[in-house]
């Protein structure tokens, strides 16, 4: 099993959810986050004063899926979400040793 941590622009959330549903993900956790990468933020003017905004709002979607599903999700997210501009986001992939459903005590793929 793999844990995918997908960080994208806020407006891309619905697209990523559609990809997860299409690929057979059984669930996801969505968080509003802030951060910066290669962009290093941007400059803006407010009431005549210029200031730097260096923490950009993003969306983080986390899901745990079977290995073969993970590869499909990664491919589709890279294909459909990319705008070709700095700030499109990243996907972090982690190995998951086990998953336990608390209600039933099921382990592994059946707990997903």
PDB file of N, CA and C in Angstrom:
ATOM      1  N   UNK A   1       0.845  -1.179   0.000  1.00  0.00           N
ATOM      2  CA  UNK A   1       0.000   0.000   0.000  1.00  0.00           C
ATOM      3  C   UNK A   1       0.887   1.237   0.000  1.00  0.00           C
ATOM      4  N   UNK A   2       0.350   2.310  -0.560  1.00  0.00           N
ATOM      5  CA  UNK A   2       1.062   3.579  -0.646  1.00  0.00           C
ATOM      6  C   UNK A   2       0.193   4.694  -0.080  1.00  0.00           C
ATOM      7  N   UNK A   3       0.855   5.625   0.589  1.00  0.00           N
ATOM      8  CA  UNK A   3       0.183   6.852   1.014  1.00  0.00           C
ATOM      9  C   UNK A   3       0.622   7.937   0.048  1.00  0.00           C
ATOM     10  N   UNK A   4      -0.346   8.601  -0.577  1.00  0.00           N
ATOM     11  CA  UNK A   4      -0.066   9.707  -1.470  1.00  0.00           C
ATOM     12  C   UNK A   4      -0.438  10.998  -0.771  1.00  0.00           C
ATOM     13  N   UNK A   5       0.489  11.905  -0.694  1.00  0.00           N
ATOM     14  CA  UNK A   5       0.263  13.232  -0.142  1.00  0.00           C
ATOM     15  C   UNK A   5       0.406  14.200  -1.313  1.00  0.00           C
ATOM     16  N   UNK A   6      -0.723  14.715  -1.794  1.00  0.00           N
ATOM     17  CA  UNK A   6      -0.771  15.512  -3.017  1.00  0.00           C
ATOM     18  C   UNK A   6      -1.021  16.969  -2.628  1.00  0.00           C
ATOM     19  N   UNK A   7      -0.088  17.848  -2.979  1.00  0.00           N
ATOM     20  CA  UNK A   7      -0.223  19.273  -2.671  1.00  0.00           C
ATOM     21  C   UNK A   7      -0.422  20.013  -3.981  1.00  0.00           C
ATOM     22  N   UNK A   8      -1.558  20.729  -4.085  1.00  0.00           N
ATOM     23  CA  UNK A   8      -1.923  21.408  -5.329  1.00  0.00           C
ATOM     24  C   UNK A   8      -2.493  22.789  -5.029  1.00  0.00           C
ATOM     25  N   UNK A   9      -2.693  23.556  -6.099  1.00  0.00           N
ATOM     26  CA  UNK A   9      -3.370  24.849  -5.997  1.00  0.00           C
ATOM     27  C   UNK A   9      -4.812  24.619  -5.527  1.00  0.00           C
ATOM     28  N   UNK A  10      -5.355  25.576  -4.810  1.00  0.00           N
ATOM     29  CA  UNK A  10      -6.706  25.456  -4.246  1.00  0.00           C
ATOM     30  C   UNK A  10      -7.759  25.160  -5.305  1.00  0.00           C
ATOM     31  N   UNK A  11      -7.645  25.779  -6.465  1.00  0.00           N
ATOM     32  CA  UNK A  11      -8.667  25.613  -7.499  1.00  0.00           C
ATOM     33  C   UNK A  11      -8.630  24.240  -8.165  1.00  0.00           C
ATOM     34  N   UNK A  12      -7.625  23.430  -7.867  1.00  0.00           N
ATOM     35  CA  UNK A  12      -7.493  22.105  -8.483  1.00  0.00           C
ATOM     36  C   UNK A  12      -8.083  20.981  -7.621  1.00  0.00           C
ATOM     37  N   UNK A  13      -8.663  21.320  -6.475  1.00  0.00           N
ATOM     38  CA  UNK A  13      -9.190  20.299  -5.563  1.00  0.00           C
ATOM     39  C   UNK A  13     -10.236  19.414  -6.227  1.00  0.00           C
ATOM     40  N   UNK A  14     -11.203  20.000  -6.901  1.00  0.00           N
ATOM     41  CA  UNK A  14     -12.270  19.206  -7.531  1.00  0.00           C
ATOM     42  C   UNK A  14     -11.710  18.271  -8.600  1.00  0.00           C
ATOM     43  N   UNK A  15     -10.695  18.729  -9.335  1.00  0.00           N
ATOM     44  CA  UNK A  15     -10.068  17.880 -10.349  1.00  0.00           C
ATOM     45  C   UNK A  15      -9.386  16.672  -9.713  1.00  0.00           C
ATOM     46  N   UNK A  16      -8.685  16.897  -8.598  1.00  0.00           N
ATOM     47  CA  UNK A  16      -7.999  15.792  -7.924  1.00  0.00           C
ATOM     48  C   UNK A  16      -9.018  14.822  -7.332  1.00  0.00           C
ATOM     49  N   UNK A  17     -10.095  15.339  -6.734  1.00  0.00           N
ATOM     50  CA  UNK A  17     -11.129  14.455  -6.190  1.00  0.00           C
ATOM     51  C   UNK A  17     -11.738  13.589  -7.285  1.00  0.00           C
ATOM     52  N   UNK A  18     -11.967  14.170  -8.455  1.00  0.00           N
ATOM     53  CA  UNK A  18     -12.512  13.408  -9.578  1.00  0.00           C
ATOM     54  C   UNK A  18     -11.550  12.302 -10.006  1.00  0.00           C
ATOM     55  N   UNK A  19     -10.263  12.593 -10.029  1.00  0.00           N
ATOM     56  CA  UNK A  19      -9.260  11.588 -10.384  1.00  0.00           C
ATOM     57  C   UNK A  19      -9.244  10.462  -9.352  1.00  0.00           C
ATOM     58  N   UNK A  20      -9.303  10.803  -8.068  1.00  0.00           N
ATOM     59  CA  UNK A  20      -9.304   9.782  -7.012  1.00  0.00           C
ATOM     60  C   UNK A  20     -10.527   8.876  -7.139  1.00  0.00           C
ATOM     61  N   UNK A  21     -11.689   9.463  -7.385  1.00  0.00           N
ATOM     62  CA  UNK A  21     -12.914   8.663  -7.548  1.00  0.00           C
ATOM     63  C   UNK A  21     -12.815   7.755  -8.771  1.00  0.00           C
ATOM     64  N   UNK A  22     -12.315   8.301  -9.863  1.00  0.00           N
ATOM     65  CA  UNK A  22     -12.178   7.556 -11.114  1.00  0.00           C
ATOM     66  C   UNK A  22     -11.217   6.370 -10.973  1.00  0.00           C
ATOM     67  N   UNK A  23     -10.175   6.552 -10.164  1.00  0.00           N
ATOM     68  CA  UNK A  23      -9.147   5.506 -10.017  1.00  0.00           C
ATOM     69  C   UNK A  23      -9.477   4.484  -8.938  1.00  0.00           C
ATOM     70  N   UNK A  24     -10.519   4.725  -8.153  1.00  0.00           N
ATOM     71  CA  UNK A  24     -10.922   3.745  -7.162  1.00  0.00           C
ATOM     72  C   UNK A  24     -10.391   3.971  -5.766  1.00  0.00           C
ATOM     73  N   UNK A  25     -10.012   5.192  -5.441  1.00  0.00           N
ATOM     74  CA  UNK A  25      -9.601   5.498  -4.065  1.00  0.00           C
ATOM     75  C   UNK A  25     -10.826   5.385  -3.166  1.00  0.00           C
ATOM     76  N   UNK A  26     -10.644   4.808  -1.979  1.00  0.00           N
ATOM     77  CA  UNK A  26     -11.775   4.606  -1.076  1.00  0.00           C
ATOM     78  C   UNK A  26     -11.993   5.773  -0.126  1.00  0.00           C
ATOM     79  N   UNK A  27     -11.105   6.759  -0.134  1.00  0.00           N
ATOM     80  CA  UNK A  27     -11.275   7.913   0.744  1.00  0.00           C
ATOM     81  C   UNK A  27     -10.075   8.828   0.666  1.00  0.00           C
ATOM     82  N   UNK A  28     -10.237  10.020   1.249  1.00  0.00           N
ATOM     83  CA  UNK A  28      -9.145  10.989   1.252  1.00  0.00           C
ATOM     84  C   UNK A  28      -9.347  11.960   2.405  1.00  0.00           C
ATOM     85  N   UNK A  29      -8.261  12.574   2.822  1.00  0.00           N
ATOM     86  CA  UNK A  29      -8.286  13.635   3.817  1.00  0.00           C
ATOM     87  C   UNK A  29      -7.797  14.902   3.129  1.00  0.00           C
ATOM     88  N   UNK A  30      -8.541  15.992   3.299  1.00  0.00           N
ATOM     89  CA  UNK A  30      -8.199  17.248   2.636  1.00  0.00           C
ATOM     90  C   UNK A  30      -7.912  18.300   3.704  1.00  0.00           C
ATOM     91  N   UNK A  31      -6.797  19.020   3.532  1.00  0.00           N
ATOM     92  CA  UNK A  31      -6.400  20.067   4.476  1.00  0.00           C
ATOM     93  C   UNK A  31      -6.035  21.341   3.727  1.00  0.00           C
ATOM     94  N   UNK A  32      -6.390  22.472   4.308  1.00  0.00           N
ATOM     95  CA  UNK A  32      -5.907  23.758   3.815  1.00  0.00           C
ATOM     96  C   UNK A  32      -4.551  24.001   4.459  1.00  0.00           C
ATOM     97  N   UNK A  33      -3.548  24.261   3.651  1.00  0.00           N
ATOM     98  CA  UNK A  33      -2.202  24.476   4.167  1.00  0.00           C
ATOM     99  C   UNK A  33      -1.625  25.749   3.548  1.00  0.00           C
ATOM    100  N   UNK A  34      -0.491  26.182   4.078  1.00  0.00           N
ATOM    101  CA  UNK A  34       0.239  27.306   3.507  1.00  0.00           C
ATOM    102  C   UNK A  34       1.704  26.933   3.452  1.00  0.00           C
ATOM    103  N   UNK A  35       2.387  27.416   2.432  1.00  0.00           N
ATOM    104  CA  UNK A  35       3.801  27.135   2.322  1.00  0.00           C
ATOM    105  C   UNK A  35       4.394  27.830   1.117  1.00  0.00           C
ATOM    106  N   UNK A  36       5.661  27.548   0.875  1.00  0.00           N
ATOM    107  CA  UNK A  36       6.307  28.095  -0.304  1.00  0.00           C
ATOM    108  C   UNK A  36       7.347  27.117  -0.795  1.00  0.00           C
ATOM    109  N   UNK A  37       7.646  27.229  -2.058  1.00  0.00           N
ATOM    110  CA  UNK A  37       8.665  26.393  -2.680  1.00  0.00           C
ATOM    111  C   UNK A  37       9.534  27.269  -3.547  1.00  0.00           C
ATOM    112  N   UNK A  38       9.673  26.892  -4.804  1.00  0.00           N
ATOM    113  CA  UNK A  38      10.508  27.659  -5.724  1.00  0.00           C
ATOM    114  C   UNK A  38       9.966  29.057  -5.999  1.00  0.00           C
ATOM    115  N   UNK A  39       8.662  29.260  -5.800  1.00  0.00           N
ATOM    116  CA  UNK A  39       8.051  30.565  -6.060  1.00  0.00           C
ATOM    117  C   UNK A  39       8.574  31.635  -5.126  1.00  0.00           C
ATOM    118  N   UNK A  40       8.817  31.269  -3.884  1.00  0.00           N
ATOM    119  CA  UNK A  40       9.243  32.192  -2.832  1.00  0.00           C
ATOM    120  C   UNK A  40       8.229  33.303  -2.584  1.00  0.00           C
ATOM    121  N   UNK A  41       6.976  33.093  -2.932  1.00  0.00           N
ATOM    122  CA  UNK A  41       5.931  34.070  -2.678  1.00  0.00           C
ATOM    123  C   UNK A  41       5.814  35.103  -3.775  1.00  0.00           C
ATOM    124  N   UNK A  42       5.167  36.222  -3.442  1.00  0.00           N
ATOM    125  CA  UNK A  42       4.974  37.298  -4.412  1.00  0.00           C
ATOM    126  C   UNK A  42       4.876  38.626  -3.679  1.00  0.00           C
ATOM    127  N   UNK A  43       5.090  39.730  -4.423  1.00  0.00           N
ATOM    128  CA  UNK A  43       4.978  41.076  -3.867  1.00  0.00           C
ATOM    129  C   UNK A  43       3.617  41.640  -4.225  1.00  0.00           C
ATOM    130  N   UNK A  44       3.045  42.386  -3.297  1.00  0.00           N
ATOM    131  CA  UNK A  44       1.754  43.017  -3.545  1.00  0.00           C
ATOM    132  C   UNK A  44       1.723  44.364  -2.833  1.00  0.00           C
ATOM    133  N   UNK A  45       0.785  45.195  -3.197  1.00  0.00           N
ATOM    134  CA  UNK A  45       0.643  46.513  -2.581  1.00  0.00           C
ATOM    135  C   UNK A  45      -0.715  46.595  -1.901  1.00  0.00           C
ATOM    136  N   UNK A  46      -0.706  47.074  -0.656  1.00  0.00           N
ATOM    137  CA  UNK A  46      -1.943  47.251   0.093  1.00  0.00           C
ATOM    138  C   UNK A  46      -1.916  48.634   0.722  1.00  0.00           C
ATOM    139  N   UNK A  47      -2.865  49.475   0.349  1.00  0.00           N
ATOM    140  CA  UNK A  47      -2.968  50.848   0.855  1.00  0.00           C
ATOM    141  C   UNK A  47      -1.660  51.619   0.708  1.00  0.00           C
ATOM    142  N   UNK A  48      -1.035  51.443  -0.447  1.00  0.00           N
ATOM    143  CA  UNK A  48       0.170  52.194  -0.764  1.00  0.00           C
ATOM    144  C   UNK A  48       1.464  51.594  -0.259  1.00  0.00           C
ATOM    145  N   UNK A  49       1.391  50.556   0.539  1.00  0.00           N
ATOM    146  CA  UNK A  49       2.600  49.915   1.064  1.00  0.00           C
ATOM    147  C   UNK A  49       2.834  48.602   0.341  1.00  0.00           C
ATOM    148  N   UNK A  50       4.077  48.386  -0.069  1.00  0.00           N
ATOM    149  CA  UNK A  50       4.421  47.134  -0.742  1.00  0.00           C
ATOM    150  C   UNK A  50       4.914  46.135   0.307  1.00  0.00           C
ATOM    151  N   UNK A  51       4.427  44.912   0.208  1.00  0.00           N
ATOM    152  CA  UNK A  51       4.900  43.870   1.112  1.00  0.00           C
ATOM    153  C   UNK A  51       4.963  42.541   0.380  1.00  0.00           C
ATOM    154  N   UNK A  52       5.700  41.601   0.974  1.00  0.00           N
ATOM    155  CA  UNK A  52       5.921  40.287   0.364  1.00  0.00           C
ATOM    156  C   UNK A  52       5.045  39.259   1.056  1.00  0.00           C
ATOM    157  N   UNK A  53       4.309  38.509   0.254  1.00  0.00           N
ATOM    158  CA  UNK A  53       3.527  37.381   0.763  1.00  0.00           C
ATOM    159  C   UNK A  53       4.331  36.138   0.415  1.00  0.00           C
ATOM    160  N   UNK A  54       4.942  35.500   1.420  1.00  0.00           N
ATOM    161  CA  UNK A  54       5.797  34.351   1.106  1.00  0.00           C
ATOM    162  C   UNK A  54       5.204  33.014   1.521  1.00  0.00           C
ATOM    163  N   UNK A  55       4.008  33.004   2.059  1.00  0.00           N
ATOM    164  CA  UNK A  55       3.309  31.752   2.337  1.00  0.00           C
ATOM    165  C   UNK A  55       2.071  31.704   1.448  1.00  0.00           C
ATOM    166  N   UNK A  56       2.086  30.776   0.505  1.00  0.00           N
ATOM    167  CA  UNK A  56       1.028  30.665  -0.492  1.00  0.00           C
ATOM    168  C   UNK A  56       0.014  29.615  -0.024  1.00  0.00           C
ATOM    169  N   UNK A  57      -1.303  29.923  -0.100  1.00  0.00           N
ATOM    170  CA  UNK A  57      -2.303  28.909   0.282  1.00  0.00           C
ATOM    171  C   UNK A  57      -2.332  27.766  -0.735  1.00  0.00           C
ATOM    172  N   UNK A  58      -2.374  26.546  -0.222  1.00  0.00           N
ATOM    173  CA  UNK A  58      -2.430  25.336  -1.044  1.00  0.00           C
ATOM    174  C   UNK A  58      -3.429  24.371  -0.411  1.00  0.00           C
ATOM    175  N   UNK A  59      -3.704  23.291  -1.121  1.00  0.00           N
ATOM    176  CA  UNK A  59      -4.558  22.217  -0.621  1.00  0.00           C
ATOM    177  C   UNK A  59      -3.721  20.942  -0.565  1.00  0.00           C
ATOM    178  N   UNK A  60      -3.847  20.198   0.535  1.00  0.00           N
ATOM    179  CA  UNK A  60      -3.148  18.926   0.684  1.00  0.00           C
ATOM    180  C   UNK A  60      -4.189  17.817   0.754  1.00  0.00           C
ATOM    181  N   UNK A  61      -4.090  16.865  -0.181  1.00  0.00           N
ATOM    182  CA  UNK A  61      -4.998  15.725  -0.234  1.00  0.00           C
ATOM    183  C   UNK A  61      -4.184  14.482   0.083  1.00  0.00           C
ATOM    184  N   UNK A  62      -4.596  13.731   1.091  1.00  0.00           N
ATOM    185  CA  UNK A  62      -3.901  12.507   1.468  1.00  0.00           C
ATOM    186  C   UNK A  62      -4.828  11.317   1.284  1.00  0.00           C
ATOM    187  N   UNK A  63      -4.291  10.263   0.711  1.00  0.00           N
ATOM    188  CA  UNK A  63      -5.059   9.040   0.526  1.00  0.00           C
ATOM    189  C   UNK A  63      -4.119   7.848   0.622  1.00  0.00           C
ATOM    190  N   UNK A  64      -4.659   6.706   1.022  1.00  0.00           N
ATOM    191  CA  UNK A  64      -3.888   5.462   1.067  1.00  0.00           C
ATOM    192  C   UNK A  64      -4.570   4.486   0.120  1.00  0.00           C
ATOM    193  N   UNK A  65      -3.785   3.955  -0.821  1.00  0.00           N
ATOM    194  CA  UNK A  65      -4.331   3.090  -1.868  1.00  0.00           C
ATOM    195  C   UNK A  65      -3.402   1.909  -2.114  1.00  0.00           C
ATOM    196  N   UNK A  66      -3.906   0.931  -2.868  1.00  0.00           N
ATOM    197  CA  UNK A  66      -3.077  -0.199  -3.284  1.00  0.00           C
ATOM    198  C   UNK A  66      -1.993   0.302  -4.241  1.00  0.00           C
ATOM    199  N   UNK A  67      -0.894  -0.453  -4.337  1.00  0.00           N
ATOM    200  CA  UNK A  67       0.261  -0.023  -5.140  1.00  0.00           C
ATOM    201  C   UNK A  67      -0.101   0.261  -6.593  1.00  0.00           C
ATOM    202  N   UNK A  68      -0.899  -0.623  -7.220  1.00  0.00           N
ATOM    203  CA  UNK A  68      -1.226  -0.428  -8.634  1.00  0.00           C
ATOM    204  C   UNK A  68      -2.127   0.789  -8.846  1.00  0.00           C
ATOM    205  N   UNK A  69      -2.989   1.085  -7.892  1.00  0.00           N
ATOM    206  CA  UNK A  69      -3.856   2.259  -7.976  1.00  0.00           C
ATOM    207  C   UNK A  69      -3.021   3.531  -7.820  1.00  0.00           C
ATOM    208  N   UNK A  70      -2.011   3.489  -6.963  1.00  0.00           N
ATOM    209  CA  UNK A  70      -1.156   4.662  -6.725  1.00  0.00           C
ATOM    210  C   UNK A  70      -0.483   5.125  -8.007  1.00  0.00           C
ATOM    211  N   UNK A  71       0.058   4.192  -8.779  1.00  0.00           N
ATOM    212  CA  UNK A  71       0.732   4.555 -10.027  1.00  0.00           C
ATOM    213  C   UNK A  71      -0.231   5.239 -10.998  1.00  0.00           C
ATOM    214  N   UNK A  72      -1.453   4.745 -11.072  1.00  0.00           N
ATOM    215  CA  UNK A  72      -2.469   5.321 -11.952  1.00  0.00           C
ATOM    216  C   UNK A  72      -2.844   6.737 -11.510  1.00  0.00           C
ATOM    217  N   UNK A  73      -3.015   6.934 -10.204  1.00  0.00           N
ATOM    218  CA  UNK A  73      -3.360   8.254  -9.672  1.00  0.00           C
ATOM    219  C   UNK A  73      -2.241   9.248  -9.959  1.00  0.00           C
ATOM    220  N   UNK A  74      -1.008   8.845  -9.706  1.00  0.00           N
ATOM    221  CA  UNK A  74       0.137   9.736  -9.933  1.00  0.00           C
ATOM    222  C   UNK A  74       0.195  10.162 -11.392  1.00  0.00           C
ATOM    223  N   UNK A  75       0.035   9.210 -12.295  1.00  0.00           N
ATOM    224  CA  UNK A  75       0.074   9.525 -13.729  1.00  0.00           C
ATOM    225  C   UNK A  75      -1.010  10.525 -14.103  1.00  0.00           C
ATOM    226  N   UNK A  76      -2.250  10.269 -13.655  1.00  0.00           N
ATOM    227  CA  UNK A  76      -3.370  11.131 -14.035  1.00  0.00           C
ATOM    228  C   UNK A  76      -3.269  12.518 -13.416  1.00  0.00           C
ATOM    229  N   UNK A  77      -2.813  12.606 -12.170  1.00  0.00           N
ATOM    230  CA  UNK A  77      -2.655  13.918 -11.533  1.00  0.00           C
ATOM    231  C   UNK A  77      -1.606  14.731 -12.286  1.00  0.00           C
ATOM    232  N   UNK A  78      -0.485  14.117 -12.605  1.00  0.00           N
ATOM    233  CA  UNK A  78       0.570  14.835 -13.340  1.00  0.00           C
ATOM    234  C   UNK A  78       0.089  15.275 -14.718  1.00  0.00           C
ATOM    235  N   UNK A  79      -0.724  14.442 -15.338  1.00  0.00           N
ATOM    236  CA  UNK A  79      -1.217  14.738 -16.682  1.00  0.00           C
ATOM    237  C   UNK A  79      -2.278  15.839 -16.683  1.00  0.00           C
ATOM    238  N   UNK A  80      -3.236  15.776 -15.744  1.00  0.00           N
ATOM    239  CA  UNK A  80      -4.398  16.660 -15.789  1.00  0.00           C
ATOM    240  C   UNK A  80      -4.267  17.931 -14.959  1.00  0.00           C
ATOM    241  N   UNK A  81      -3.424  17.934 -13.940  1.00  0.00           N
ATOM    242  CA  UNK A  81      -3.336  19.073 -13.030  1.00  0.00           C
ATOM    243  C   UNK A  81      -2.269  20.066 -13.468  1.00  0.00           C
ATOM    244  N   UNK A  82      -1.279  19.619 -14.191  1.00  0.00           N
ATOM    245  CA  UNK A  82      -0.151  20.469 -14.568  1.00  0.00           C
ATOM    246  C   UNK A  82      -0.568  21.634 -15.458  1.00  0.00           C
ATOM    247  N   UNK A  83      -0.117  22.835 -15.072  1.00  0.00           N
ATOM    248  CA  UNK A  83      -0.303  24.017 -15.909  1.00  0.00           C
ATOM    249  C   UNK A  83       1.009  24.401 -16.576  1.00  0.00           C
ATOM    250  N   UNK A  84       2.097  23.784 -16.143  1.00  0.00           N
ATOM    251  CA  UNK A  84       3.411  24.105 -16.674  1.00  0.00           C
ATOM    252  C   UNK A  84       4.057  25.300 -15.997  1.00  0.00           C
ATOM    253  N   UNK A  85       3.434  25.826 -14.951  1.00  0.00           N
ATOM    254  CA  UNK A  85       3.946  26.998 -14.246  1.00  0.00           C
ATOM    255  C   UNK A  85       4.444  26.600 -12.859  1.00  0.00           C
ATOM    256  N   UNK A  86       5.331  27.419 -12.310  1.00  0.00           N
ATOM    257  CA  UNK A  86       5.821  27.204 -10.953  1.00  0.00           C
ATOM    258  C   UNK A  86       4.632  27.250 -10.000  1.00  0.00           C
ATOM    259  N   UNK A  87       4.590  26.332  -9.041  1.00  0.00           N
ATOM    260  CA  UNK A  87       3.514  26.330  -8.055  1.00  0.00           C
ATOM    261  C   UNK A  87       2.419  25.320  -8.321  1.00  0.00           C
ATOM    262  N   UNK A  88       2.594  24.457  -9.325  1.00  0.00           N
ATOM    263  CA  UNK A  88       1.587  23.434  -9.611  1.00  0.00           C
ATOM    264  C   UNK A  88       1.437  22.453  -8.453  1.00  0.00           C
ATOM    265  N   UNK A  89       2.492  22.197  -7.704  1.00  0.00           N
ATOM    266  CA  UNK A  89       2.413  21.328  -6.546  1.00  0.00           C
ATOM    267  C   UNK A  89       3.355  20.156  -6.624  1.00  0.00           C
ATOM    268  N   UNK A  90       3.183  19.223  -5.679  1.00  0.00           N
ATOM    269  CA  UNK A  90       4.035  18.047  -5.585  1.00  0.00           C
ATOM    270  C   UNK A  90       3.212  16.863  -5.101  1.00  0.00           C
ATOM    271  N   UNK A  91       3.740  15.669  -5.362  1.00  0.00           N
ATOM    272  CA  UNK A  91       3.158  14.445  -4.826  1.00  0.00           C
ATOM    273  C   UNK A  91       4.256  13.728  -4.043  1.00  0.00           C
ATOM    274  N   UNK A  92       3.975  13.430  -2.793  1.00  0.00           N
ATOM    275  CA  UNK A  92       4.894  12.657  -1.966  1.00  0.00           C
ATOM    276  C   UNK A  92       4.317  11.254  -1.825  1.00  0.00           C
ATOM    277  N   UNK A  93       5.161  10.239  -1.986  1.00  0.00           N
ATOM    278  CA  UNK A  93       4.719   8.843  -1.948  1.00  0.00           C
ATOM    279  C   UNK A  93       5.427   8.145  -0.790  1.00  0.00           C
ATOM    280  N   UNK A  94       4.639   7.507   0.072  1.00  0.00           N
ATOM    281  CA  UNK A  94       5.163   6.798   1.237  1.00  0.00           C
ATOM    282  C   UNK A  94       4.698   5.349   1.205  1.00  0.00           C
ATOM    283  N   UNK A  95       5.539   4.433   1.673  1.00  0.00           N
ATOM    284  CA  UNK A  95       5.118   3.047   1.866  1.00  0.00           C
ATOM    285  C   UNK A  95       4.341   2.949   3.166  1.00  0.00           C
ATOM    286  N   UNK A  96       3.253   2.190   3.147  1.00  0.00           N
ATOM    287  CA  UNK A  96       2.423   1.978   4.338  1.00  0.00           C
ATOM    288  C   UNK A  96       2.565   0.523   4.755  1.00  0.00           C
ATOM    289  N   UNK A  97       3.004   0.293   5.978  1.00  0.00           N
ATOM    290  CA  UNK A  97       3.223  -1.068   6.471  1.00  0.00           C
ATOM    291  C   UNK A  97       1.902  -1.794   6.720  1.00  0.00           C
ATOM    292  N   UNK A  98       0.928  -1.112   7.304  1.00  0.00           N
ATOM    293  CA  UNK A  98      -0.342  -1.767   7.618  1.00  0.00           C
ATOM    294  C   UNK A  98      -1.411  -0.711   7.844  1.00  0.00           C
ATOM    295  N   UNK A  99      -2.650  -1.124   7.674  1.00  0.00           N
ATOM    296  CA  UNK A  99      -3.820  -0.301   7.971  1.00  0.00           C
ATOM    297  C   UNK A  99      -4.762  -1.171   8.783  1.00  0.00           C
ATOM    298  N   UNK A 100      -5.295  -0.617   9.860  1.00  0.00           N
ATOM    299  CA  UNK A 100      -6.231  -1.361  10.704  1.00  0.00           C
ATOM    300  C   UNK A 100      -7.529  -0.563  10.794  1.00  0.00           C
ATOM    301  N   UNK A 101      -8.635  -1.198  10.458  1.00  0.00           N
ATOM    302  CA  UNK A 101      -9.947  -0.572  10.641  1.00  0.00           C
ATOM    303  C   UNK A 101     -10.338  -0.798  12.097  1.00  0.00           C
ATOM    304  N   UNK A 102     -10.496   0.277  12.834  1.00  0.00           N
ATOM    305  CA  UNK A 102     -10.742   0.207  14.271  1.00  0.00           C
ATOM    306  C   UNK A 102     -12.050  -0.513  14.582  1.00  0.00           C
ATOM    307  N   UNK A 103     -13.095  -0.242  13.811  1.00  0.00           N
ATOM    308  CA  UNK A 103     -14.414  -0.822  14.082  1.00  0.00           C
ATOM    309  C   UNK A 103     -14.401  -2.345  14.043  1.00  0.00           C
ATOM    310  N   UNK A 104     -13.725  -2.934  13.033  1.00  0.00           N
ATOM    311  CA  UNK A 104     -13.781  -4.386  12.838  1.00  0.00           C
ATOM    312  C   UNK A 104     -12.476  -5.097  13.137  1.00  0.00           C
ATOM    313  N   UNK A 105     -11.378  -4.346  13.228  1.00  0.00           N
ATOM    314  CA  UNK A 105     -10.079  -4.976  13.437  1.00  0.00           C
ATOM    315  C   UNK A 105      -9.453  -5.528  12.182  1.00  0.00           C
ATOM    316  N   UNK A 106     -10.049  -5.270  10.999  1.00  0.00           N
ATOM    317  CA  UNK A 106      -9.490  -5.763   9.737  1.00  0.00           C
ATOM    318  C   UNK A 106      -8.122  -5.106   9.483  1.00  0.00           C
ATOM    319  N   UNK A 107      -7.243  -5.874   8.820  1.00  0.00           N
ATOM    320  CA  UNK A 107      -5.895  -5.397   8.493  1.00  0.00           C
ATOM    321  C   UNK A 107      -5.697  -5.353   6.983  1.00  0.00           C
ATOM    322  N   UNK A 108      -4.715  -4.543   6.553  1.00  0.00           N
ATOM    323  CA  UNK A 108      -4.274  -4.553   5.156  1.00  0.00           C
ATOM    324  C   UNK A 108      -5.292  -3.987   4.188  1.00  0.00           C
ATOM    325  N   UNK A 109      -5.260  -4.522   2.964  1.00  0.00           N
ATOM    326  CA  UNK A 109      -6.115  -4.028   1.878  1.00  0.00           C
ATOM    327  C   UNK A 109      -7.594  -4.065   2.214  1.00  0.00           C
ATOM    328  N   UNK A 110      -8.039  -5.032   3.007  1.00  0.00           N
ATOM    329  CA  UNK A 110      -9.470  -5.128   3.357  1.00  0.00           C
ATOM    330  C   UNK A 110      -9.902  -3.990   4.273  1.00  0.00           C
ATOM    331  N   UNK A 111      -8.960  -3.372   4.959  1.00  0.00           N
ATOM    332  CA  UNK A 111      -9.284  -2.251   5.849  1.00  0.00           C
ATOM    333  C   UNK A 111      -9.442  -0.942   5.092  1.00  0.00           C
ATOM    334  N   UNK A 112      -9.006  -0.917   3.846  1.00  0.00           N
ATOM    335  CA  UNK A 112      -9.158   0.317   3.063  1.00  0.00           C
ATOM    336  C   UNK A 112     -10.624   0.499   2.696  1.00  0.00           C
TER     337      UNK A 112
END
